[in-house]
Amino acid sequence: MKIYTKTGDKGETGLYGGSRISKASARVESYGNIDEVNACIGVAKSHIEDENVINQLKKIQFDLFTVGSEASTPIDKLFLANGKARLPLVISDKEIEELETWMDEMEEKVEPLQYFILPGGGKAATFLHVARTVCRRAERSLVFLNQSEEVRAELIKYLNRLSDYLFVLARYVSKLHNEPEEYWNPNDKK
């Protein structure tokens, strides 16, 4: 099978369920942003050696494909005519709670927040901050899509929680790598 199909050469793409839409649509923008989050996490993961963190990020990347596949499926196409689910997996509260559990475990190991943290640190932490901001964009794009086409609330909730997780993970990775955090403290303006 060739990777190129030429079916998108006129600015349209196909969705699950067979319909074709503009590549400039809110739906395509949303799942494109989700794909970008996944790629950013892959870059960050390549700079992390902690096996537990790597396993969490692998699971998240898997879950982001699940989120993306659902974001690319109009809600009225989630089920086939016979009532069977079109998609083999969907995001549920289980995946959201998993992110919360991981965050709680990491937050016990980092200093309490007193100031805003400047995005940066070592390579891994910096890439995690980039992934966090792209995740926020993906969340906003799903919220925007939801204004015109229904999106399951779990998708928005998952991305919201994931951006929080990426922030906490950036702090945790900085601690693992003995890299100092830089703070935004308005009283320290130079």
Protein backbone atom coordinates (compact mmCIF):
# COMPACT_ATOMS: atom_id res chain seq x y z
CA MET A 1 0.00 0.00 0.00
CA LYS A 2 1.37 3.41 -0.93
CA ILE A 3 1.42 6.16 1.67
CA TYR A 4 0.13 8.71 -0.80
CA THR A 5 -3.42 8.43 -2.11
CA LYS A 6 -3.76 11.74 -3.97
CA THR A 7 -7.32 12.00 -2.59
CA GLY A 8 -6.37 15.09 -0.58
CA ASP A 9 -4.84 17.04 -3.41
CA LYS A 10 -7.83 19.37 -3.64
CA GLY A 11 -7.82 20.30 0.05
CA GLU A 12 -10.25 17.70 1.35
CA THR A 13 -9.82 14.66 3.54
CA GLY A 14 -11.93 11.65 4.48
CA LEU A 15 -13.39 10.99 7.90
CA TYR A 16 -14.40 7.75 9.55
CA GLY A 17 -17.84 7.03 8.19
CA GLY A 18 -16.91 8.04 4.66
CA SER A 19 -17.70 11.75 4.49
CA ARG A 20 -15.20 14.19 3.02
CA ILE A 21 -14.49 17.62 4.50
CA SER A 22 -12.16 20.55 3.98
CA LYS A 23 -8.71 20.27 5.51
CA ALA A 24 -9.39 23.78 6.87
CA SER A 25 -12.34 22.55 8.98
CA ALA A 26 -12.45 22.76 12.76
CA ARG A 27 -12.53 18.95 12.96
CA VAL A 28 -9.34 18.50 10.92
CA GLU A 29 -7.67 21.29 12.90
CA SER A 30 -8.53 19.54 16.16
CA TYR A 31 -7.20 16.11 15.28
CA GLY A 32 -4.16 17.69 13.61
CA ASN A 33 -3.37 19.44 16.88
CA ILE A 34 -3.79 16.15 18.75
CA ASP A 35 -1.32 14.55 16.35
CA GLU A 36 1.11 17.40 17.00
CA VAL A 37 0.87 16.87 20.78
CA ASN A 38 1.70 13.22 20.22
CA ALA A 39 4.78 14.11 18.14
CA CYS A 40 5.94 16.62 20.77
CA ILE A 41 5.65 13.95 23.45
CA GLY A 42 7.73 11.64 21.25
CA VAL A 43 10.49 14.25 21.09
CA ALA A 44 10.41 14.76 24.87
CA LYS A 45 10.39 11.00 25.45
CA SER A 46 13.60 10.63 23.45
CA HIS A 47 15.36 12.73 26.12
CA ILE A 48 14.08 10.79 29.15
CA GLU A 49 15.70 7.73 30.65
CA ASP A 50 13.35 6.96 33.55
CA GLU A 51 11.60 3.73 32.56
CA ASN A 52 8.43 4.51 34.54
CA VAL A 53 8.06 7.89 32.84
CA ILE A 54 8.76 6.38 29.42
CA ASN A 55 6.03 3.78 30.00
CA GLN A 56 3.57 6.50 31.01
CA LEU A 57 4.38 8.49 27.89
CA LYS A 58 4.00 5.41 25.67
CA LYS A 59 0.55 4.84 27.17
CA ILE A 60 -0.35 8.50 26.63
CA GLN A 61 0.78 8.35 23.00
CA PHE A 62 -1.42 5.31 22.51
CA ASP A 63 -4.33 7.14 24.16
CA LEU A 64 -3.76 10.20 21.97
CA PHE A 65 -4.27 8.03 18.88
CA THR A 66 -7.56 6.98 20.46
CA VAL A 67 -8.50 10.63 21.08
CA GLY A 68 -7.48 11.55 17.53
CA SER A 69 -9.48 8.75 15.95
CA GLU A 70 -12.58 9.85 17.82
CA ALA A 71 -11.95 13.52 17.04
CA SER A 72 -11.86 12.56 13.35
CA THR A 73 -15.22 10.81 13.63
CA PRO A 74 -18.46 12.81 13.62
CA ILE A 75 -20.47 11.83 16.69
CA ASP A 76 -23.34 10.52 14.54
CA LYS A 77 -20.86 8.09 12.92
CA LEU A 78 -19.51 6.60 16.17
CA PHE A 79 -21.93 3.69 15.77
CA LEU A 80 -22.68 1.58 12.72
CA ALA A 81 -26.22 1.01 11.49
CA ASN A 82 -26.29 -2.31 13.39
CA GLY A 83 -25.52 -0.46 16.66
CA LYS A 84 -21.94 -1.72 16.90
CA ALA A 85 -19.24 0.82 17.79
CA ARG A 86 -17.26 2.00 14.75
CA LEU A 87 -14.13 2.61 16.84
CA PRO A 88 -12.51 -0.21 18.80
CA LEU A 89 -11.55 2.17 21.65
CA VAL A 90 -12.73 5.45 23.12
CA ILE A 91 -11.30 7.54 25.95
CA SER A 92 -13.09 7.11 29.26
CA ASP A 93 -12.81 8.35 32.82
CA LYS A 94 -10.34 5.50 33.42
CA GLU A 95 -7.65 7.18 31.29
CA ILE A 96 -8.37 10.57 32.87
CA GLU A 97 -8.06 9.12 36.37
CA GLU A 98 -4.81 7.42 35.37
CA LEU A 99 -3.32 10.82 34.50
CA GLU A 100 -4.50 12.18 37.85
CA THR A 101 -2.90 9.28 39.73
CA TRP A 102 0.41 9.79 37.95
CA MET A 103 0.31 13.52 38.69
CA ASP A 104 -0.43 12.93 42.38
CA GLU A 105 2.54 10.55 42.63
CA MET A 106 4.92 13.04 40.97
CA GLU A 107 3.66 16.05 42.92
CA GLU A 108 4.66 14.31 46.15
CA LYS A 109 8.27 14.38 44.92
CA VAL A 110 8.59 18.00 43.76
CA GLU A 111 8.65 21.24 45.72
CA PRO A 112 5.27 22.95 46.18
CA LEU A 113 4.60 25.70 43.64
CA GLN A 114 5.11 29.22 44.90
CA TYR A 115 5.55 31.07 41.60
CA PHE A 116 4.83 30.54 37.94
CA ILE A 117 7.52 28.47 36.27
CA LEU A 118 9.20 29.69 33.12
CA PRO A 119 9.06 27.04 30.38
CA GLY A 120 12.54 25.63 30.12
CA GLY A 121 15.09 23.60 32.00
CA GLY A 122 16.91 20.75 30.36
CA LYS A 123 15.97 19.32 26.99
CA ALA A 124 13.34 16.89 28.29
CA ALA A 125 11.61 19.47 30.50
CA THR A 126 11.68 22.07 27.73
CA PHE A 127 10.13 19.69 25.22
CA LEU A 128 7.50 18.71 27.79
CA HIS A 129 6.58 22.39 28.19
CA VAL A 130 6.25 22.65 24.40
CA ALA A 131 4.02 19.55 24.42
CA ARG A 132 1.94 21.14 27.19
CA THR A 133 1.30 24.31 25.19
CA VAL A 134 0.44 22.33 22.05
CA CYS A 135 -1.90 20.22 24.19
CA ARG A 136 -3.65 23.38 25.37
CA ARG A 137 -4.10 24.38 21.72
CA ALA A 138 -5.52 20.95 20.93
CA GLU A 139 -7.94 21.32 23.83
CA ARG A 140 -9.02 24.76 22.62
CA SER A 141 -9.57 23.43 19.12
CA LEU A 142 -11.80 20.63 20.42
CA VAL A 143 -13.77 23.17 22.46
CA PHE A 144 -14.13 25.28 19.30
CA LEU A 145 -15.28 22.22 17.32
CA ASN A 146 -17.78 21.44 20.09
CA GLN A 147 -19.45 24.81 19.48
CA SER A 148 -20.64 23.63 16.07
CA GLU A 149 -20.49 19.81 16.28
CA GLU A 150 -20.91 17.72 19.38
CA VAL A 151 -17.71 16.28 20.89
CA ARG A 152 -17.80 13.82 23.76
CA ALA A 153 -16.87 15.64 26.97
CA GLU A 154 -14.29 12.98 27.85
CA LEU A 155 -12.08 14.07 24.95
CA ILE A 156 -11.90 17.67 26.15
CA LYS A 157 -11.45 16.54 29.75
CA TYR A 158 -8.62 14.17 28.77
CA LEU A 159 -6.67 16.91 26.97
CA ASN A 160 -7.25 19.31 29.85
CA ARG A 161 -5.85 16.77 32.30
CA LEU A 162 -3.02 15.83 29.94
CA SER A 163 -1.76 19.41 29.78
CA ASP A 164 -1.70 19.47 33.59
CA TYR A 165 0.16 16.15 33.59
CA LEU A 166 2.77 17.48 31.12
CA PHE A 167 3.37 20.49 33.37
CA VAL A 168 3.86 18.31 36.44
CA LEU A 169 6.01 15.90 34.46
CA ALA A 170 8.26 18.74 33.26
CA ARG A 171 8.82 19.71 36.91
CA TYR A 172 9.40 16.09 37.92
CA VAL A 173 11.88 15.47 35.09
CA SER A 174 13.77 18.64 36.05
CA LYS A 175 14.08 17.23 39.54
CA LEU A 176 15.21 13.82 38.25
CA HIS A 177 17.89 15.49 36.13
CA ASN A 178 18.93 17.92 38.91
CA GLU A 179 18.02 20.88 36.71
CA PRO A 180 16.87 24.04 38.48
CA GLU A 181 13.50 25.52 37.69
CA GLU A 182 13.30 29.18 36.74
CA TYR A 183 10.48 31.16 38.30
CA TRP A 184 8.46 34.11 37.14
CA ASN A 185 8.40 36.24 40.24
CA PRO A 186 7.15 39.79 39.54
CA ASN A 187 9.10 41.01 42.57
CA ASP A 188 12.41 39.91 40.99
CA LYS A 189 12.15 42.04 37.83
CA LYS A 190 15.64 42.90 36.63
